[in-house]
Amino acid sequence: MAQKLSRNTKGVRRQQRAAGNSRKVRKATSTGRSFLGRMLGALPFSDEQLHRAFTLLILAGVVAFVWFLASISGATVVASERFAQVATNAGYSVRHVEVRGVARMNEMRVYERALGSRDLAMTQVELDTLREDLLTLPWVKDARVARQLPDTLVIDVVEREPHAVLARADRLMLIDSTGIELEPVTREAAEGRLLIEGPGAQGQIEALSHLLDAAPALRRQVTGAEWIGNRRWDLTFRTDQKLALPEGGPRAAAALISFAKADGVHQLIGGDVASFDLRNAPRMYMSKPGSAEAREMDMREQS
């Protein structure tokens, strides 16, 4: 009889422990729900708005997952082609190309690049790819390509400005202020533009511009510049007189400024001197046609 009471006692204890564990679980769950409820209640949204937000998140996740599966299976390509066909049937395809901003370059070069987009659905036009293609044209400094619905592609071009003429061994090339070649020109068409020559001169165009800016009064007198020995410049004036400058940007600029001051006093340009040598500035050597001797001038005395 005592043995039976012992078994019942153990069973009652197990039931009490189970009931205690159940109460703890319910309490923890209740506490968690209460905490989550307080957190959600602190948000400035109604229960309905929160429900809609959670629903949208779930739908977005489902759409993303479906799109991922479609990408793996190649269904997106089919969908894109189908959408393009629908757009074309609705009249949203490239029928016209409008080019703006072209003044000097051959406009047909731009149209040639855009012809590949003709009759394509607007959704299939790769605007960035077409823009990058246009930027390979020598005259095009920048370009913007846009869709003008329903059927027009608009191309805005920013042209490079012609700056000088570069003399090559077999031709003359029109170049911009950075040395980029724009197009070949005839000698007649090159008249009135600065003529630049010498091996390596193309890479020194910007440095030459800075040099000439040091003496603005002389700049309009300079018609030619030759890069000598890949280290210095010889300038030619409208009078066909030549000026040899020293090596180094700062030294050349200082020498050119000194020459400009001396020209203001002695009117050197247009005089009887054929060439001026400032390679050993501040001393300048002047040569006259038919004379074997060179006259010397100390430029410091002219300041």
C-alpha atoms as a PDB file:
ATOM      1  CA  MET A   1       0.000   0.000   0.000  1.00  0.00           C
ATOM      2  CA  ALA A   2       2.845   2.376   0.844  1.00  0.00           C
ATOM      3  CA  GLN A   3       4.425   1.594  -2.527  1.00  0.00           C
ATOM      4  CA  LYS A   4       1.296   2.763  -4.342  1.00  0.00           C
ATOM      5  CA  LEU A   5       1.225   6.065  -2.421  1.00  0.00           C
ATOM      6  CA  SER A   6       4.874   6.697  -3.378  1.00  0.00           C
ATOM      7  CA  ARG A   7       4.129   6.278  -7.081  1.00  0.00           C
ATOM      8  CA  ASN A   8       1.134   8.597  -6.880  1.00  0.00           C
ATOM      9  CA  THR A   9       3.219  11.180  -5.064  1.00  0.00           C
ATOM     10  CA  LYS A  10       5.837  11.152  -7.808  1.00  0.00           C
ATOM     11  CA  GLY A  11       3.124  11.519 -10.439  1.00  0.00           C
ATOM     12  CA  VAL A  12       1.619  14.502  -8.650  1.00  0.00           C
ATOM     13  CA  ARG A  13       5.008  16.138  -8.427  1.00  0.00           C
ATOM     14  CA  ARG A  14       5.635  15.673 -12.122  1.00  0.00           C
ATOM     15  CA  GLN A  15       2.269  17.235 -12.893  1.00  0.00           C
ATOM     16  CA  GLN A  16       3.053  20.187 -10.622  1.00  0.00           C
ATOM     17  CA  ARG A  17       6.439  20.720 -12.313  1.00  0.00           C
ATOM     18  CA  ALA A  18       4.849  20.534 -15.750  1.00  0.00           C
ATOM     19  CA  ALA A  19       2.180  23.000 -14.708  1.00  0.00           C
ATOM     20  CA  GLY A  20       4.878  25.317 -13.339  1.00  0.00           C
ATOM     21  CA  ASN A  21       6.849  25.148 -16.584  1.00  0.00           C
ATOM     22  CA  SER A  22       3.689  25.854 -18.570  1.00  0.00           C
ATOM     23  CA  ARG A  23       2.978  28.925 -16.455  1.00  0.00           C
ATOM     24  CA  LYS A  24       6.559  30.174 -17.019  1.00  0.00           C
ATOM     25  CA  VAL A  25       6.224  29.729 -20.763  1.00  0.00           C
ATOM     26  CA  ARG A  26       2.897  31.544 -20.823  1.00  0.00           C
ATOM     27  CA  LYS A  27       4.370  34.339 -18.708  1.00  0.00           C
ATOM     28  CA  ALA A  28       7.430  34.700 -20.953  1.00  0.00           C
ATOM     29  CA  THR A  29       5.263  34.665 -24.066  1.00  0.00           C
ATOM     30  CA  SER A  30       2.944  37.203 -22.537  1.00  0.00           C
ATOM     31  CA  THR A  31       5.896  39.378 -21.544  1.00  0.00           C
ATOM     32  CA  GLY A  32       7.376  39.139 -25.065  1.00  0.00           C
ATOM     33  CA  ARG A  33       4.081  39.990 -26.709  1.00  0.00           C
ATOM     34  CA  SER A  34       3.581  42.812 -24.261  1.00  0.00           C
ATOM     35  CA  PHE A  35       7.063  44.193 -25.023  1.00  0.00           C
ATOM     36  CA  LEU A  36       6.519  43.857 -28.800  1.00  0.00           C
ATOM     37  CA  GLY A  37       3.107  45.443 -28.416  1.00  0.00           C
ATOM     38  CA  ARG A  38       4.580  48.357 -26.503  1.00  0.00           C
ATOM     39  CA  MET A  39       7.269  48.800 -29.182  1.00  0.00           C
ATOM     40  CA  LEU A  40       4.716  48.761 -31.999  1.00  0.00           C
ATOM     41  CA  GLY A  41       2.432  51.017 -30.025  1.00  0.00           C
ATOM     42  CA  ALA A  42       5.215  53.561 -29.743  1.00  0.00           C
ATOM     43  CA  LEU A  43       5.371  53.876 -33.549  1.00  0.00           C
ATOM     44  CA  PRO A  44       3.300  56.709 -35.093  1.00  0.00           C
ATOM     45  CA  PHE A  45       1.253  54.282 -37.173  1.00  0.00           C
ATOM     46  CA  SER A  46      -2.124  52.684 -36.758  1.00  0.00           C
ATOM     47  CA  ASP A  47      -2.605  48.926 -36.632  1.00  0.00           C
ATOM     48  CA  GLU A  48      -4.046  49.023 -40.131  1.00  0.00           C
ATOM     49  CA  GLN A  49      -1.042  50.920 -41.499  1.00  0.00           C
ATOM     50  CA  LEU A  50       1.363  48.494 -39.850  1.00  0.00           C
ATOM     51  CA  HIS A  51      -0.554  45.574 -41.279  1.00  0.00           C
ATOM     52  CA  ARG A  52      -0.347  47.088 -44.782  1.00  0.00           C
ATOM     53  CA  ALA A  53       3.382  47.750 -44.381  1.00  0.00           C
ATOM     54  CA  PHE A  54       4.095  44.163 -43.342  1.00  0.00           C
ATOM     55  CA  THR A  55       1.962  42.914 -46.217  1.00  0.00           C
ATOM     56  CA  LEU A  56       3.931  45.042 -48.709  1.00  0.00           C
ATOM     57  CA  LEU A  57       7.224  43.775 -47.309  1.00  0.00           C
ATOM     58  CA  ILE A  58       6.101  40.209 -47.714  1.00  0.00           C
ATOM     59  CA  LEU A  59       4.922  40.875 -51.280  1.00  0.00           C
ATOM     60  CA  ALA A  60       8.203  42.650 -52.134  1.00  0.00           C
ATOM     61  CA  GLY A  61      10.124  39.662 -50.867  1.00  0.00           C
ATOM     62  CA  VAL A  62       8.023  37.304 -52.957  1.00  0.00           C
ATOM     63  CA  VAL A  63       8.472  39.469 -56.093  1.00  0.00           C
ATOM     64  CA  ALA A  64      12.231  39.649 -55.552  1.00  0.00           C
ATOM     65  CA  PHE A  65      12.404  35.889 -55.153  1.00  0.00           C
ATOM     66  CA  VAL A  66      10.329  35.312 -58.289  1.00  0.00           C
ATOM     67  CA  TRP A  67      12.477  37.779 -60.259  1.00  0.00           C
ATOM     68  CA  PHE A  68      15.606  35.985 -59.039  1.00  0.00           C
ATOM     69  CA  LEU A  69      14.239  32.660 -60.231  1.00  0.00           C
ATOM     70  CA  ALA A  70      13.224  34.228 -63.556  1.00  0.00           C
ATOM     71  CA  SER A  71      16.726  35.662 -64.011  1.00  0.00           C
ATOM     72  CA  ILE A  72      18.249  32.246 -63.475  1.00  0.00           C
ATOM     73  CA  SER A  73      15.876  30.598 -65.926  1.00  0.00           C
ATOM     74  CA  GLY A  74      16.221  33.345 -68.583  1.00  0.00           C
ATOM     75  CA  ALA A  75      12.596  34.374 -68.367  1.00  0.00           C
ATOM     76  CA  THR A  76      13.587  38.054 -67.943  1.00  0.00           C
ATOM     77  CA  VAL A  77      15.030  38.116 -71.460  1.00  0.00           C
ATOM     78  CA  VAL A  78      11.793  36.790 -72.877  1.00  0.00           C
ATOM     79  CA  ALA A  79       9.796  39.282 -70.819  1.00  0.00           C
ATOM     80  CA  SER A  80      12.040  42.154 -71.977  1.00  0.00           C
ATOM     81  CA  GLU A  81      11.649  41.181 -75.616  1.00  0.00           C
ATOM     82  CA  ARG A  82       7.906  40.843 -75.217  1.00  0.00           C
ATOM     83  CA  PHE A  83       7.706  44.250 -73.571  1.00  0.00           C
ATOM     84  CA  ALA A  84       9.782  45.769 -76.381  1.00  0.00           C
ATOM     85  CA  GLN A  85       7.435  44.275 -78.961  1.00  0.00           C
ATOM     86  CA  VAL A  86       4.435  45.724 -77.151  1.00  0.00           C
ATOM     87  CA  ALA A  87       6.144  49.146 -77.001  1.00  0.00           C
ATOM     88  CA  THR A  88       6.930  49.010 -80.728  1.00  0.00           C
ATOM     89  CA  ASN A  89       3.368  48.072 -81.620  1.00  0.00           C
ATOM     90  CA  ALA A  90       2.182  51.027 -79.528  1.00  0.00           C
ATOM     91  CA  GLY A  91       4.401  53.424 -81.526  1.00  0.00           C
ATOM     92  CA  TYR A  92       7.218  53.720 -78.949  1.00  0.00           C
ATOM     93  CA  SER A  93      10.135  52.995 -81.238  1.00  0.00           C
ATOM     94  CA  VAL A  94      12.921  55.189 -82.651  1.00  0.00           C
ATOM     95  CA  ARG A  95      11.707  56.802 -85.868  1.00  0.00           C
ATOM     96  CA  HIS A  96      13.547  60.131 -85.703  1.00  0.00           C
ATOM     97  CA  VAL A  97      16.958  61.327 -84.487  1.00  0.00           C
ATOM     98  CA  GLU A  98      17.373  65.001 -83.577  1.00  0.00           C
ATOM     99  CA  VAL A  99      20.931  66.352 -83.287  1.00  0.00           C
ATOM    100  CA  ARG A 100      21.620  69.626 -81.477  1.00  0.00           C
ATOM    101  CA  GLY A 101      24.744  71.695 -80.803  1.00  0.00           C
ATOM    102  CA  VAL A 102      26.657  70.868 -83.988  1.00  0.00           C
ATOM    103  CA  ALA A 103      28.282  73.902 -85.614  1.00  0.00           C
ATOM    104  CA  ARG A 104      31.660  72.867 -87.044  1.00  0.00           C
ATOM    105  CA  MET A 105      31.822  69.091 -87.248  1.00  0.00           C
ATOM    106  CA  ASN A 106      30.165  66.923 -89.878  1.00  0.00           C
ATOM    107  CA  GLU A 107      26.688  66.246 -88.480  1.00  0.00           C
ATOM    108  CA  MET A 108      26.429  63.012 -90.449  1.00  0.00           C
ATOM    109  CA  ARG A 109      29.087  61.475 -88.182  1.00  0.00           C
ATOM    110  CA  VAL A 110      26.624  61.780 -85.296  1.00  0.00           C
ATOM    111  CA  TYR A 111      23.745  60.338 -87.333  1.00  0.00           C
ATOM    112  CA  GLU A 112      25.934  57.388 -88.332  1.00  0.00           C
ATOM    113  CA  ARG A 113      26.462  56.516 -84.670  1.00  0.00           C
ATOM    114  CA  ALA A 114      22.725  56.790 -83.975  1.00  0.00           C
ATOM    115  CA  LEU A 115      21.580  54.710 -86.964  1.00  0.00           C
ATOM    116  CA  GLY A 116      21.998  51.528 -84.954  1.00  0.00           C
ATOM    117  CA  SER A 117      19.115  52.676 -82.739  1.00  0.00           C
ATOM    118  CA  ARG A 118      16.659  53.251 -85.600  1.00  0.00           C
ATOM    119  CA  ASP A 119      13.470  51.152 -85.386  1.00  0.00           C
ATOM    120  CA  LEU A 120      14.433  49.859 -81.952  1.00  0.00           C
ATOM    121  CA  ALA A 121      11.840  49.963 -79.196  1.00  0.00           C
ATOM    122  CA  MET A 122      12.479  52.877 -76.860  1.00  0.00           C
ATOM    123  CA  THR A 123      13.008  50.380 -74.053  1.00  0.00           C
ATOM    124  CA  GLN A 124      15.873  48.764 -75.975  1.00  0.00           C
ATOM    125  CA  VAL A 125      17.920  51.917 -76.632  1.00  0.00           C
ATOM    126  CA  GLU A 126      21.134  51.857 -74.568  1.00  0.00           C
ATOM    127  CA  LEU A 127      21.572  55.579 -73.914  1.00  0.00           C
ATOM    128  CA  ASP A 128      24.885  55.261 -72.048  1.00  0.00           C
ATOM    129  CA  THR A 129      26.369  53.019 -74.722  1.00  0.00           C
ATOM    130  CA  LEU A 130      25.396  55.446 -77.481  1.00  0.00           C
ATOM    131  CA  ARG A 131      26.849  58.361 -75.503  1.00  0.00           C
ATOM    132  CA  GLU A 132      30.167  56.539 -75.019  1.00  0.00           C
ATOM    133  CA  ASP A 133      30.238  55.836 -78.757  1.00  0.00           C
ATOM    134  CA  LEU A 134      29.688  59.522 -79.551  1.00  0.00           C
ATOM    135  CA  LEU A 135      32.542  60.519 -77.252  1.00  0.00           C
ATOM    136  CA  THR A 136      34.953  58.638 -79.513  1.00  0.00           C
ATOM    137  CA  LEU A 137      34.348  61.235 -82.252  1.00  0.00           C
ATOM    138  CA  PRO A 138      37.238  63.756 -82.264  1.00  0.00           C
ATOM    139  CA  TRP A 139      35.003  66.834 -82.280  1.00  0.00           C
ATOM    140  CA  VAL A 140      32.727  65.671 -79.453  1.00  0.00           C
ATOM    141  CA  LYS A 141      33.805  66.999 -76.057  1.00  0.00           C
ATOM    142  CA  ASP A 142      30.595  65.867 -74.347  1.00  0.00           C
ATOM    143  CA  ALA A 143      27.210  64.490 -75.352  1.00  0.00           C
ATOM    144  CA  ARG A 144      23.805  63.835 -73.829  1.00  0.00           C
ATOM    145  CA  VAL A 145      21.331  61.327 -75.258  1.00  0.00           C
ATOM    146  CA  ALA A 146      17.662  61.340 -74.240  1.00  0.00           C
ATOM    147  CA  ARG A 147      14.383  59.759 -75.280  1.00  0.00           C
ATOM    148  CA  GLN A 148      11.625  62.076 -76.438  1.00  0.00           C
ATOM    149  CA  LEU A 149       8.516  59.940 -76.469  1.00  0.00           C
ATOM    150  CA  PRO A 150       7.002  58.474 -78.441  1.00  0.00           C
ATOM    151  CA  ASP A 151       9.535  58.078 -81.266  1.00  0.00           C
ATOM    152  CA  THR A 152      12.425  60.581 -81.145  1.00  0.00           C
ATOM    153  CA  LEU A 153      15.992  60.242 -79.929  1.00  0.00           C
ATOM    154  CA  VAL A 154      17.530  63.627 -78.986  1.00  0.00           C
ATOM    155  CA  ILE A 155      21.323  64.035 -79.041  1.00  0.00           C
ATOM    156  CA  ASP A 156      22.889  67.191 -77.575  1.00  0.00           C
ATOM    157  CA  VAL A 157      26.534  67.652 -78.564  1.00  0.00           C
ATOM    158  CA  VAL A 158      29.173  69.891 -76.975  1.00  0.00           C
ATOM    159  CA  GLU A 159      31.861  70.506 -79.579  1.00  0.00           C
ATOM    160  CA  ARG A 160      35.544  71.048 -78.948  1.00  0.00           C
ATOM    161  CA  GLU A 161      36.881  74.503 -79.816  1.00  0.00           C
ATOM    162  CA  PRO A 162      39.575  74.658 -82.530  1.00  0.00           C
ATOM    163  CA  HIS A 163      42.674  76.241 -81.030  1.00  0.00           C
ATOM    164  CA  ALA A 164      45.656  75.863 -83.359  1.00  0.00           C
ATOM    165  CA  VAL A 165      47.097  73.903 -86.263  1.00  0.00           C
ATOM    166  CA  LEU A 166      49.593  71.115 -85.701  1.00  0.00           C
ATOM    167  CA  ALA A 167      52.131  70.551 -88.479  1.00  0.00           C
ATOM    168  CA  ARG A 168      52.763  66.875 -89.123  1.00  0.00           C
ATOM    169  CA  ALA A 169      55.170  65.430 -91.679  1.00  0.00           C
ATOM    170  CA  ASP A 170      52.419  64.752 -94.202  1.00  0.00           C
ATOM    171  CA  ARG A 171      49.522  67.026 -93.246  1.00  0.00           C
ATOM    172  CA  LEU A 172      48.191  69.850 -91.105  1.00  0.00           C
ATOM    173  CA  MET A 173      45.788  68.946 -88.288  1.00  0.00           C
ATOM    174  CA  LEU A 174      43.344  71.241 -86.546  1.00  0.00           C
ATOM    175  CA  ILE A 175      43.662  70.702 -82.777  1.00  0.00           C
ATOM    176  CA  ASP A 176      41.891  71.909 -79.638  1.00  0.00           C
ATOM    177  CA  SER A 177      43.495  73.548 -76.602  1.00  0.00           C
ATOM    178  CA  THR A 178      44.497  70.166 -75.142  1.00  0.00           C
ATOM    179  CA  GLY A 179      46.177  68.907 -78.314  1.00  0.00           C
ATOM    180  CA  ILE A 180      43.387  66.573 -79.469  1.00  0.00           C
ATOM    181  CA  GLU A 181      43.325  66.321 -83.265  1.00  0.00           C
ATOM    182  CA  LEU A 182      40.000  67.373 -84.775  1.00  0.00           C
ATOM    183  CA  GLU A 183      40.422  67.054 -88.527  1.00  0.00           C
ATOM    184  CA  PRO A 184      42.946  67.652 -91.355  1.00  0.00           C
ATOM    185  CA  VAL A 185      43.012  71.165 -92.847  1.00  0.00           C
ATOM    186  CA  THR A 186      44.530  72.734 -95.925  1.00  0.00           C
ATOM    187  CA  ARG A 187      47.253  75.332 -95.655  1.00  0.00           C
ATOM    188  CA  GLU A 188      44.782  77.952 -96.847  1.00  0.00           C
ATOM    189  CA  ALA A 189      42.318  76.988 -94.099  1.00  0.00           C
ATOM    190  CA  ALA A 190      45.154  77.136 -91.545  1.00  0.00           C
ATOM    191  CA  GLU A 191      45.852  80.804 -92.294  1.00  0.00           C
ATOM    192  CA  GLY A 192      45.328  83.018 -89.273  1.00  0.00           C
ATOM    193  CA  ARG A 193      45.737  80.181 -86.760  1.00  0.00           C
ATOM    194  CA  LEU A 194      48.733  79.493 -84.541  1.00  0.00           C
ATOM    195  CA  LEU A 195      50.990  76.955 -86.275  1.00  0.00           C
ATOM    196  CA  ILE A 196      52.662  74.495 -83.903  1.00  0.00           C
ATOM    197  CA  GLU A 197      55.398  72.105 -84.943  1.00  0.00           C
ATOM    198  CA  GLY A 198      58.237  69.969 -83.674  1.00  0.00           C
ATOM    199  CA  PRO A 199      58.473  66.390 -82.315  1.00  0.00           C
ATOM    200  CA  GLY A 200      56.517  66.119 -79.065  1.00  0.00           C
ATOM    201  CA  ALA A 201      54.829  69.496 -79.520  1.00  0.00           C
ATOM    202  CA  GLN A 202      51.333  67.999 -79.360  1.00  0.00           C
ATOM    203  CA  GLY A 203      51.836  67.103 -75.711  1.00  0.00           C
ATOM    204  CA  GLN A 204      52.952  70.653 -74.863  1.00  0.00           C
ATOM    205  CA  ILE A 205      49.939  72.611 -76.145  1.00  0.00           C
ATOM    206  CA  GLU A 206      48.549  73.514 -72.727  1.00  0.00           C
ATOM    207  CA  ALA A 207      52.017  74.496 -71.463  1.00  0.00           C
ATOM    208  CA  LEU A 208      52.424  76.749 -74.511  1.00  0.00           C
ATOM    209  CA  SER A 209      49.109  78.467 -73.777  1.00  0.00           C
ATOM    210  CA  HIS A 210      50.223  79.199 -70.204  1.00  0.00           C
ATOM    211  CA  LEU A 211      53.507  80.558 -71.537  1.00  0.00           C
ATOM    212  CA  LEU A 212      51.829  82.947 -73.990  1.00  0.00           C
ATOM    213  CA  ASP A 213      49.397  84.070 -71.286  1.00  0.00           C
ATOM    214  CA  ALA A 214      52.412  85.469 -69.405  1.00  0.00           C
ATOM    215  CA  ALA A 215      52.719  88.224 -72.040  1.00  0.00           C
ATOM    216  CA  PRO A 216      49.216  88.987 -73.407  1.00  0.00           C
ATOM    217  CA  ALA A 217      50.476  91.927 -75.480  1.00  0.00           C
ATOM    218  CA  LEU A 218      52.738  89.592 -77.459  1.00  0.00           C
ATOM    219  CA  ARG A 219      50.293  86.726 -77.822  1.00  0.00           C
ATOM    220  CA  ARG A 220      48.444  88.222 -80.777  1.00  0.00           C
ATOM    221  CA  GLN A 221      51.815  88.792 -82.493  1.00  0.00           C
ATOM    222  CA  VAL A 222      52.803  85.113 -82.313  1.00  0.00           C
ATOM    223  CA  THR A 223      51.926  83.100 -85.417  1.00  0.00           C
ATOM    224  CA  GLY A 224      54.075  80.024 -84.865  1.00  0.00           C
ATOM    225  CA  ALA A 225      55.730  77.973 -82.138  1.00  0.00           C
ATOM    226  CA  GLU A 226      58.301  75.214 -82.615  1.00  0.00           C
ATOM    227  CA  TRP A 227      59.138  72.744 -79.854  1.00  0.00           C
ATOM    228  CA  ILE A 228      62.927  72.323 -80.013  1.00  0.00           C
ATOM    229  CA  GLY A 229      64.739  69.233 -78.773  1.00  0.00           C
ATOM    230  CA  ASN A 230      61.753  68.290 -76.618  1.00  0.00           C
ATOM    231  CA  ARG A 231      62.816  70.931 -74.097  1.00  0.00           C
ATOM    232  CA  ARG A 232      62.090  74.535 -75.198  1.00  0.00           C
ATOM    233  CA  TRP A 233      60.205  76.844 -77.617  1.00  0.00           C
ATOM    234  CA  ASP A 234      61.120  79.048 -80.566  1.00  0.00           C
ATOM    235  CA  LEU A 235      58.396  81.592 -81.349  1.00  0.00           C
ATOM    236  CA  THR A 236      57.685  83.214 -84.721  1.00  0.00           C
ATOM    237  CA  PHE A 237      56.010  86.635 -84.950  1.00  0.00           C
ATOM    238  CA  ARG A 238      53.821  88.044 -87.719  1.00  0.00           C
ATOM    239  CA  THR A 239      56.907  89.833 -89.051  1.00  0.00           C
ATOM    240  CA  ASP A 240      58.658  86.436 -89.503  1.00  0.00           C
ATOM    241  CA  GLN A 241      61.098  87.397 -86.749  1.00  0.00           C
ATOM    242  CA  LYS A 242      62.018  84.581 -84.369  1.00  0.00           C
ATOM    243  CA  LEU A 243      62.529  84.461 -80.613  1.00  0.00           C
ATOM    244  CA  ALA A 244      64.447  81.607 -78.955  1.00  0.00           C
ATOM    245  CA  LEU A 245      63.342  81.023 -75.351  1.00  0.00           C
ATOM    246  CA  PRO A 246      65.196  79.167 -72.580  1.00  0.00           C
ATOM    247  CA  GLU A 247      64.298  75.763 -71.145  1.00  0.00           C
ATOM    248  CA  GLY A 248      61.800  75.440 -68.306  1.00  0.00           C
ATOM    249  CA  GLY A 249      58.358  76.965 -67.992  1.00  0.00           C
ATOM    250  CA  PRO A 250      59.159  79.637 -65.348  1.00  0.00           C
ATOM    251  CA  ARG A 251      62.409  80.720 -67.076  1.00  0.00           C
ATOM    252  CA  ALA A 252      60.698  80.878 -70.479  1.00  0.00           C
ATOM    253  CA  ALA A 253      57.802  82.932 -69.057  1.00  0.00           C
ATOM    254  CA  ALA A 254      60.194  85.364 -67.329  1.00  0.00           C
ATOM    255  CA  ALA A 255      62.194  85.763 -70.559  1.00  0.00           C
ATOM    256  CA  LEU A 256      59.049  86.385 -72.596  1.00  0.00           C
ATOM    257  CA  ILE A 257      57.885  89.058 -70.134  1.00  0.00           C
ATOM    258  CA  SER A 258      61.301  90.751 -70.332  1.00  0.00           C
ATOM    259  CA  PHE A 259      61.153  90.688 -74.120  1.00  0.00           C
ATOM    260  CA  ALA A 260      57.671  92.240 -74.059  1.00  0.00           C
ATOM    261  CA  LYS A 261      58.977  95.095 -71.898  1.00  0.00           C
ATOM    262  CA  ALA A 262      61.965  95.645 -74.200  1.00  0.00           C
ATOM    263  CA  ASP A 263      59.683  95.601 -77.241  1.00  0.00           C
ATOM    264  CA  GLY A 264      57.536  98.279 -75.623  1.00  0.00           C
ATOM    265  CA  VAL A 265      60.603 100.504 -75.286  1.00  0.00           C
ATOM    266  CA  HIS A 266      62.592  99.707 -78.453  1.00  0.00           C
ATOM    267  CA  GLN A 267      59.883  98.392 -80.823  1.00  0.00           C
ATOM    268  CA  LEU A 268      61.834  95.224 -81.498  1.00  0.00           C
ATOM    269  CA  ILE A 269      59.012  93.529 -83.392  1.00  0.00           C
ATOM    270  CA  GLY A 270      58.926  95.036 -86.864  1.00  0.00           C
ATOM    271  CA  GLY A 271      62.477  96.323 -86.628  1.00  0.00           C
ATOM    272  CA  ASP A 272      65.567  95.302 -88.583  1.00  0.00           C
ATOM    273  CA  VAL A 273      66.526  92.417 -86.303  1.00  0.00           C
ATOM    274  CA  ALA A 274      65.775  88.976 -87.790  1.00  0.00           C
ATOM    275  CA  SER A 275      66.081  86.853 -84.648  1.00  0.00           C
ATOM    276  CA  PHE A 276      66.301  87.228 -80.889  1.00  0.00           C
ATOM    277  CA  ASP A 277      68.048  84.696 -78.657  1.00  0.00           C
ATOM    278  CA  LEU A 278      67.069  84.589 -74.997  1.00  0.00           C
ATOM    279  CA  ARG A 279      68.324  81.084 -74.242  1.00  0.00           C
ATOM    280  CA  ASN A 280      70.836  82.639 -71.824  1.00  0.00           C
ATOM    281  CA  ALA A 281      68.437  85.143 -70.307  1.00  0.00           C
ATOM    282  CA  PRO A 282      68.681  87.800 -69.047  1.00  0.00           C
ATOM    283  CA  ARG A 283      71.200  88.385 -71.851  1.00  0.00           C
ATOM    284  CA  MET A 284      69.653  88.590 -75.334  1.00  0.00           C
ATOM    285  CA  TYR A 285      71.523  88.268 -78.631  1.00  0.00           C
ATOM    286  CA  MET A 286      70.079  89.896 -81.758  1.00  0.00           C
ATOM    287  CA  SER A 287      71.005  89.004 -85.323  1.00  0.00           C
ATOM    288  CA  LYS A 288      70.481  91.144 -88.402  1.00  0.00           C
ATOM    289  CA  PRO A 289      70.204  89.820 -91.964  1.00  0.00           C
ATOM    290  CA  GLY A 290      73.562  89.891 -93.743  1.00  0.00           C
ATOM    291  CA  SER A 291      75.478  90.555 -90.542  1.00  0.00           C
ATOM    292  CA  ALA A 292      77.909  88.021 -89.102  1.00  0.00           C
ATOM    293  CA  GLU A 293      77.937  89.667 -85.693  1.00  0.00           C
ATOM    294  CA  ALA A 294      75.188  89.455 -83.110  1.00  0.00           C
ATOM    295  CA  ARG A 295      74.327  92.458 -81.028  1.00  0.00           C
ATOM    296  CA  GLU A 296      73.975  91.852 -77.311  1.00  0.00           C
ATOM    297  CA  MET A 297      71.431  93.386 -74.906  1.00  0.00           C
ATOM    298  CA  ASP A 298      71.191  92.962 -71.139  1.00  0.00           C
ATOM    299  CA  MET A 299      67.465  92.594 -70.427  1.00  0.00           C
ATOM    300  CA  ARG A 300      67.946  93.649 -66.814  1.00  0.00           C
ATOM    301  CA  GLU A 301      68.801  97.124 -68.039  1.00  0.00           C
ATOM    302  CA  GLN A 302      65.395  97.322 -69.750  1.00  0.00           C
ATOM    303  CA  SER A 303      63.381  96.702 -66.551  1.00  0.00           C
END
